[in-house]
Amino acid sequence: MDSLKKVLAAVEAALEKKAYDLIVVEVEHLSSIADYFLIATGRSDVQVQAIARGIQERMERENAYPISIEGFHRAHWVVLDYDDVVVHVFFEPTREFYRLEQTWTDAQEILLPEPLRSQVRDLQLSASG
């Protein structure tokens, strides 16, 4: 599975668990860490764990297994490392504090294909309203 398909599968799984404020950034040309970062937010530690677990289960169905998982038990910042795709699932206050996307300002945000783009927008609107 190529890295773009992998990150899109992770986005779908995150959306199924009502993650919001999702962004995908391409870091391939900026770092050897990964090709893509998915950054997502949950409203509680329980939701953060559900999002991370949902992503992991979906990726396993796609025969993709994480190299490492960090932060699952505290559930303030869970990192799922799939080598070419790194998923960051934040509890909202933790994301606001660390502002990870500000670290990668040179990274290009990926425009998600429909219907994912609309789902992200709808969840964003419901989170702010």
N, C-alpha and C. Protein backbone atom coordinates (compact mmCIF):
# COMPACT_ATOMS: atom_id res chain seq x y z
N MET A 1 0.85 -1.17 0.00
CA MET A 1 0.00 0.00 0.00
C MET A 1 0.90 1.24 0.00
N ASP A 2 0.68 2.12 -0.96
CA ASP A 2 1.53 3.32 -1.00
C ASP A 2 1.13 4.29 0.11
N SER A 3 2.01 5.23 0.38
CA SER A 3 1.83 6.10 1.54
C SER A 3 0.59 6.99 1.44
N LEU A 4 0.24 7.45 0.25
CA LEU A 4 -0.96 8.29 0.12
C LEU A 4 -2.22 7.47 0.43
N LYS A 5 -2.30 6.26 -0.10
CA LYS A 5 -3.46 5.40 0.21
C LYS A 5 -3.51 5.09 1.70
N LYS A 6 -2.35 4.91 2.29
CA LYS A 6 -2.28 4.60 3.72
C LYS A 6 -2.80 5.77 4.55
N VAL A 7 -2.36 6.98 4.24
CA VAL A 7 -2.82 8.13 5.02
C VAL A 7 -4.31 8.38 4.81
N LEU A 8 -4.81 8.14 3.60
CA LEU A 8 -6.25 8.32 3.35
C LEU A 8 -7.08 7.28 4.11
N ALA A 9 -6.57 6.07 4.23
CA ALA A 9 -7.25 5.05 5.04
C ALA A 9 -7.29 5.48 6.51
N ALA A 10 -6.20 6.06 6.98
CA ALA A 10 -6.17 6.56 8.36
C ALA A 10 -7.15 7.71 8.56
N VAL A 11 -7.26 8.58 7.57
CA VAL A 11 -8.24 9.68 7.64
C VAL A 11 -9.65 9.12 7.74
N GLU A 12 -9.98 8.16 6.90
CA GLU A 12 -11.31 7.55 6.93
C GLU A 12 -11.60 6.96 8.31
N ALA A 13 -10.63 6.25 8.87
CA ALA A 13 -10.82 5.64 10.19
C ALA A 13 -11.00 6.70 11.27
N ALA A 14 -10.23 7.77 11.19
CA ALA A 14 -10.35 8.85 12.18
C ALA A 14 -11.73 9.51 12.09
N LEU A 15 -12.20 9.72 10.88
CA LEU A 15 -13.52 10.33 10.70
C LEU A 15 -14.64 9.44 11.23
N GLU A 16 -14.47 8.13 11.10
CA GLU A 16 -15.48 7.21 11.64
C GLU A 16 -15.62 7.36 13.15
N LYS A 17 -14.56 7.79 13.80
CA LYS A 17 -14.57 7.99 15.26
C LYS A 17 -14.79 9.46 15.63
N LYS A 18 -15.21 10.25 14.65
CA LYS A 18 -15.57 11.67 14.84
C LYS A 18 -14.40 12.55 15.24
N ALA A 19 -13.21 12.20 14.78
CA ALA A 19 -12.06 13.09 14.96
C ALA A 19 -12.35 14.37 14.19
N TYR A 20 -11.84 15.48 14.68
CA TYR A 20 -12.05 16.73 13.97
C TYR A 20 -10.73 17.47 13.86
N ASP A 21 -10.78 18.58 13.14
CA ASP A 21 -9.59 19.41 12.90
C ASP A 21 -8.48 18.57 12.26
N LEU A 22 -8.87 17.71 11.32
CA LEU A 22 -7.91 16.84 10.64
C LEU A 22 -7.15 17.60 9.57
N ILE A 23 -5.87 17.40 9.56
CA ILE A 23 -5.07 17.88 8.44
C ILE A 23 -4.05 16.80 8.08
N VAL A 24 -3.73 16.74 6.81
CA VAL A 24 -2.68 15.87 6.32
C VAL A 24 -1.63 16.77 5.69
N VAL A 25 -0.39 16.61 6.14
CA VAL A 25 0.70 17.39 5.56
C VAL A 25 1.74 16.45 4.97
N GLU A 26 2.26 16.87 3.84
CA GLU A 26 3.31 16.10 3.17
C GLU A 26 4.65 16.61 3.67
N VAL A 27 5.41 15.72 4.30
CA VAL A 27 6.71 16.09 4.86
C VAL A 27 7.86 15.37 4.16
N GLU A 28 7.54 14.64 3.11
CA GLU A 28 8.50 13.81 2.40
C GLU A 28 9.75 14.58 1.97
N HIS A 29 9.58 15.80 1.50
CA HIS A 29 10.72 16.58 1.01
C HIS A 29 11.41 17.39 2.10
N LEU A 30 10.86 17.32 3.31
CA LEU A 30 11.40 18.11 4.42
C LEU A 30 12.10 17.26 5.46
N SER A 31 11.80 15.97 5.47
CA SER A 31 12.30 15.12 6.54
C SER A 31 12.36 13.67 6.07
N SER A 32 13.25 12.93 6.69
CA SER A 32 13.31 11.49 6.41
C SER A 32 12.41 10.71 7.36
N ILE A 33 11.71 11.40 8.23
CA ILE A 33 10.84 10.75 9.21
C ILE A 33 9.69 10.01 8.54
N ALA A 34 9.03 10.66 7.59
CA ALA A 34 7.83 10.08 6.98
C ALA A 34 7.52 10.83 5.69
N ASP A 35 6.56 10.31 4.95
CA ASP A 35 6.04 11.01 3.77
C ASP A 35 4.89 11.94 4.16
N TYR A 36 4.04 11.46 5.09
CA TYR A 36 2.86 12.23 5.49
C TYR A 36 2.68 12.19 7.00
N PHE A 37 2.14 13.28 7.53
CA PHE A 37 1.63 13.33 8.89
C PHE A 37 0.12 13.52 8.80
N LEU A 38 -0.60 12.78 9.58
CA LEU A 38 -2.01 13.04 9.81
C LEU A 38 -2.11 13.58 11.23
N ILE A 39 -2.73 14.73 11.38
CA ILE A 39 -2.93 15.33 12.69
C ILE A 39 -4.44 15.43 12.90
N ALA A 40 -4.91 14.89 14.02
CA ALA A 40 -6.34 14.86 14.31
C ALA A 40 -6.56 15.18 15.78
N THR A 41 -7.79 15.55 16.11
CA THR A 41 -8.12 15.96 17.47
C THR A 41 -9.35 15.21 17.97
N GLY A 42 -9.30 14.88 19.28
CA GLY A 42 -10.45 14.32 19.97
C GLY A 42 -10.83 15.22 21.14
N ARG A 43 -12.07 15.12 21.56
CA ARG A 43 -12.59 16.00 22.62
C ARG A 43 -12.34 15.48 24.03
N SER A 44 -11.92 14.23 24.16
CA SER A 44 -11.65 13.64 25.48
C SER A 44 -10.58 12.57 25.32
N ASP A 45 -10.02 12.15 26.46
CA ASP A 45 -9.02 11.08 26.39
C ASP A 45 -9.64 9.79 25.87
N VAL A 46 -10.90 9.54 26.22
CA VAL A 46 -11.58 8.34 25.72
C VAL A 46 -11.74 8.41 24.20
N GLN A 47 -12.11 9.57 23.68
CA GLN A 47 -12.25 9.71 22.23
C GLN A 47 -10.90 9.60 21.54
N VAL A 48 -9.86 10.18 22.13
CA VAL A 48 -8.52 10.07 21.55
C VAL A 48 -8.13 8.60 21.42
N GLN A 49 -8.36 7.82 22.47
CA GLN A 49 -8.06 6.40 22.41
C GLN A 49 -8.91 5.69 21.36
N ALA A 50 -10.18 6.04 21.26
CA ALA A 50 -11.06 5.42 20.27
C ALA A 50 -10.59 5.73 18.85
N ILE A 51 -10.18 6.97 18.62
CA ILE A 51 -9.67 7.36 17.30
C ILE A 51 -8.41 6.55 16.98
N ALA A 52 -7.47 6.52 17.92
CA ALA A 52 -6.22 5.79 17.70
C ALA A 52 -6.48 4.31 17.46
N ARG A 53 -7.35 3.73 18.28
CA ARG A 53 -7.68 2.31 18.12
C ARG A 53 -8.37 2.05 16.78
N GLY A 54 -9.27 2.93 16.39
CA GLY A 54 -9.96 2.79 15.11
C GLY A 54 -9.00 2.85 13.93
N ILE A 55 -8.03 3.76 14.02
CA ILE A 55 -7.02 3.86 12.96
C ILE A 55 -6.19 2.59 12.91
N GLN A 56 -5.76 2.12 14.09
CA GLN A 56 -4.94 0.92 14.13
C GLN A 56 -5.69 -0.28 13.56
N GLU A 57 -6.96 -0.43 13.92
CA GLU A 57 -7.75 -1.56 13.40
C GLU A 57 -7.92 -1.47 11.89
N ARG A 58 -8.19 -0.28 11.39
CA ARG A 58 -8.34 -0.11 9.93
C ARG A 58 -7.04 -0.42 9.21
N MET A 59 -5.94 0.07 9.75
CA MET A 59 -4.65 -0.16 9.10
C MET A 59 -4.30 -1.65 9.10
N GLU A 60 -4.63 -2.34 10.18
CA GLU A 60 -4.38 -3.78 10.22
C GLU A 60 -5.18 -4.52 9.15
N ARG A 61 -6.42 -4.07 8.91
CA ARG A 61 -7.21 -4.67 7.82
C ARG A 61 -6.56 -4.44 6.46
N GLU A 62 -5.76 -3.39 6.37
CA GLU A 62 -5.04 -3.07 5.13
C GLU A 62 -3.62 -3.68 5.15
N ASN A 63 -3.35 -4.53 6.14
CA ASN A 63 -2.04 -5.16 6.32
C ASN A 63 -0.93 -4.15 6.57
N ALA A 64 -1.25 -3.10 7.28
CA ALA A 64 -0.25 -2.11 7.70
C ALA A 64 -0.20 -2.12 9.23
N TYR A 65 0.99 -2.29 9.76
CA TYR A 65 1.16 -2.42 11.20
C TYR A 65 2.12 -1.35 11.70
N PRO A 66 1.83 -0.77 12.86
CA PRO A 66 2.68 0.31 13.35
C PRO A 66 4.05 -0.20 13.80
N ILE A 67 5.05 0.62 13.54
CA ILE A 67 6.39 0.36 14.06
C ILE A 67 6.38 0.60 15.56
N SER A 68 5.66 1.65 15.96
CA SER A 68 5.51 1.95 17.39
C SER A 68 4.24 2.75 17.62
N ILE A 69 3.77 2.65 18.85
CA ILE A 69 2.63 3.44 19.32
C ILE A 69 3.06 4.07 20.63
N GLU A 70 2.91 5.37 20.72
CA GLU A 70 3.30 6.09 21.93
C GLU A 70 2.12 6.89 22.46
N GLY A 71 2.01 6.96 23.78
CA GLY A 71 1.04 7.85 24.41
C GLY A 71 -0.37 7.33 24.51
N PHE A 72 -0.62 6.07 24.19
CA PHE A 72 -1.99 5.57 24.16
C PHE A 72 -2.65 5.62 25.54
N HIS A 73 -1.94 5.25 26.57
CA HIS A 73 -2.56 5.15 27.89
C HIS A 73 -2.90 6.51 28.50
N ARG A 74 -2.05 7.50 28.28
CA ARG A 74 -2.37 8.86 28.77
C ARG A 74 -3.39 9.53 27.87
N ALA A 75 -3.31 9.26 26.58
CA ALA A 75 -4.29 9.73 25.59
C ALA A 75 -4.39 11.24 25.49
N HIS A 76 -3.27 11.91 25.67
CA HIS A 76 -3.23 13.35 25.39
C HIS A 76 -2.61 13.61 24.02
N TRP A 77 -1.67 12.73 23.65
CA TRP A 77 -1.02 12.81 22.34
C TRP A 77 -0.60 11.39 21.98
N VAL A 78 -1.34 10.77 21.11
CA VAL A 78 -1.03 9.41 20.68
C VAL A 78 -0.35 9.48 19.32
N VAL A 79 0.77 8.80 19.21
CA VAL A 79 1.51 8.74 17.94
C VAL A 79 1.51 7.30 17.46
N LEU A 80 1.02 7.11 16.24
CA LEU A 80 1.05 5.81 15.57
C LEU A 80 2.02 5.95 14.40
N ASP A 81 3.13 5.24 14.47
CA ASP A 81 4.17 5.37 13.45
C ASP A 81 4.08 4.19 12.49
N TYR A 82 3.70 4.51 11.26
CA TYR A 82 3.61 3.51 10.20
C TYR A 82 4.75 3.68 9.20
N ASP A 83 5.87 4.17 9.65
CA ASP A 83 7.07 4.40 8.85
C ASP A 83 6.89 5.55 7.88
N ASP A 84 6.15 5.37 6.80
CA ASP A 84 5.98 6.44 5.83
C ASP A 84 4.81 7.36 6.16
N VAL A 85 3.99 6.95 7.12
CA VAL A 85 2.86 7.77 7.60
C VAL A 85 2.93 7.79 9.12
N VAL A 86 2.91 8.98 9.69
CA VAL A 86 2.88 9.12 11.14
C VAL A 86 1.58 9.83 11.51
N VAL A 87 0.82 9.19 12.38
CA VAL A 87 -0.47 9.71 12.81
C VAL A 87 -0.33 10.30 14.21
N HIS A 88 -0.79 11.54 14.37
CA HIS A 88 -0.79 12.22 15.66
C HIS A 88 -2.25 12.47 16.04
N VAL A 89 -2.69 11.88 17.14
CA VAL A 89 -4.05 12.11 17.62
C VAL A 89 -3.94 12.84 18.95
N PHE A 90 -4.46 14.04 18.98
CA PHE A 90 -4.33 14.91 20.15
C PHE A 90 -5.65 15.06 20.90
N PHE A 91 -5.54 15.20 22.22
CA PHE A 91 -6.60 15.76 23.04
C PHE A 91 -6.53 17.26 22.79
N GLU A 92 -7.69 17.89 22.63
CA GLU A 92 -7.74 19.28 22.16
C GLU A 92 -6.79 20.24 22.89
N PRO A 93 -6.77 20.29 24.24
CA PRO A 93 -5.86 21.25 24.89
C PRO A 93 -4.38 20.96 24.60
N THR A 94 -4.05 19.69 24.44
CA THR A 94 -2.67 19.32 24.14
C THR A 94 -2.28 19.78 22.75
N ARG A 95 -3.18 19.63 21.80
CA ARG A 95 -2.88 20.10 20.44
C ARG A 95 -2.69 21.62 20.43
N GLU A 96 -3.54 22.33 21.15
CA GLU A 96 -3.40 23.78 21.21
C GLU A 96 -2.07 24.18 21.84
N PHE A 97 -1.62 23.43 22.83
CA PHE A 97 -0.36 23.74 23.50
C PHE A 97 0.84 23.49 22.59
N TYR A 98 0.90 22.33 21.96
CA TYR A 98 2.07 21.97 21.16
C TYR A 98 2.06 22.55 19.75
N ARG A 99 0.90 22.76 19.17
CA ARG A 99 0.79 23.35 17.83
C ARG A 99 1.76 22.70 16.83
N LEU A 100 1.69 21.40 16.74
CA LEU A 100 2.61 20.63 15.90
C LEU A 100 2.65 21.12 14.47
N GLU A 101 1.49 21.50 13.92
CA GLU A 101 1.48 21.94 12.53
C GLU A 101 2.30 23.22 12.33
N GLN A 102 2.51 24.00 13.39
CA GLN A 102 3.35 25.20 13.29
C GLN A 102 4.83 24.84 13.10
N THR A 103 5.20 23.66 13.57
CA THR A 103 6.58 23.19 13.40
C THR A 103 6.87 22.87 11.94
N TRP A 104 5.84 22.50 11.21
CA TRP A 104 5.99 22.07 9.82
C TRP A 104 5.36 23.07 8.87
N THR A 105 5.62 24.34 9.07
CA THR A 105 5.00 25.38 8.23
C THR A 105 5.42 25.28 6.77
N ASP A 106 6.57 24.69 6.50
CA ASP A 106 7.01 24.52 5.11
C ASP A 106 6.37 23.31 4.44
N ALA A 107 5.69 22.49 5.22
CA ALA A 107 5.04 21.30 4.67
C ALA A 107 3.78 21.70 3.93
N GLN A 108 3.51 20.98 2.86
CA GLN A 108 2.31 21.25 2.07
C GLN A 108 1.13 20.48 2.64
N GLU A 109 0.05 21.20 2.93
CA GLU A 109 -1.17 20.53 3.37
C GLU A 109 -1.81 19.86 2.15
N ILE A 110 -2.23 18.63 2.33
CA ILE A 110 -2.83 17.86 1.25
C ILE A 110 -4.33 18.14 1.22
N LEU A 111 -4.83 18.48 0.05
CA LEU A 111 -6.26 18.66 -0.14
C LEU A 111 -6.89 17.28 -0.25
N LEU A 112 -7.72 16.94 0.70
CA LEU A 112 -8.33 15.62 0.72
C LEU A 112 -9.35 15.48 -0.40
N PRO A 113 -9.47 14.29 -0.96
CA PRO A 113 -10.49 14.07 -1.99
C PRO A 113 -11.89 14.01 -1.36
N GLU A 114 -12.89 14.27 -2.18
CA GLU A 114 -14.27 14.09 -1.72
C GLU A 114 -14.54 12.59 -1.65
N PRO A 115 -15.35 12.12 -0.73
CA PRO A 115 -16.17 12.86 0.22
C PRO A 115 -15.45 13.18 1.53
N LEU A 116 -14.17 12.80 1.65
CA LEU A 116 -13.45 13.03 2.90
C LEU A 116 -13.39 14.52 3.24
N ARG A 117 -13.14 15.36 2.24
CA ARG A 117 -13.03 16.80 2.48
C ARG A 117 -14.31 17.34 3.11
N SER A 118 -15.45 16.93 2.58
CA SER A 118 -16.74 17.39 3.12
C SER A 118 -16.97 16.88 4.54
N GLN A 119 -16.57 15.65 4.80
CA GLN A 119 -16.73 15.09 6.14
C GLN A 119 -15.87 15.86 7.15
N VAL A 120 -14.65 16.18 6.77
CA VAL A 120 -13.78 16.97 7.64
C VAL A 120 -14.41 18.33 7.91
N ARG A 121 -14.89 18.97 6.86
CA ARG A 121 -15.51 20.30 7.00
C ARG A 121 -16.74 20.23 7.90
N ASP A 122 -17.58 19.22 7.71
CA ASP A 122 -18.79 19.09 8.53
C ASP A 122 -18.46 18.88 10.00
N LEU A 123 -17.46 18.04 10.28
CA LEU A 123 -17.06 17.83 11.67
C LEU A 123 -16.43 19.08 12.26
N GLN A 124 -15.71 19.83 11.44
CA GLN A 124 -15.12 21.08 11.89
C GLN A 124 -16.22 22.07 12.29
N LEU A 125 -17.25 22.17 11.47
CA LEU A 125 -18.36 23.08 11.76
C LEU A 125 -19.10 22.66 13.02
N SER A 126 -19.32 21.37 13.20
CA SER A 126 -20.04 20.92 14.40
C SER A 126 -19.19 21.11 15.65
N ALA A 127 -17.87 21.04 15.53
CA ALA A 127 -17.00 21.24 16.68
C ALA A 127 -16.98 22.70 17.11
N SER A 128 -17.08 23.61 16.15
CA SER A 128 -17.02 25.03 16.48
C SER A 128 -18.39 25.59 16.86
N GLY A 129 -19.44 24.88 16.52
CA GLY A 129 -20.79 25.37 16.77
C GLY A 129 -21.34 24.83 18.01
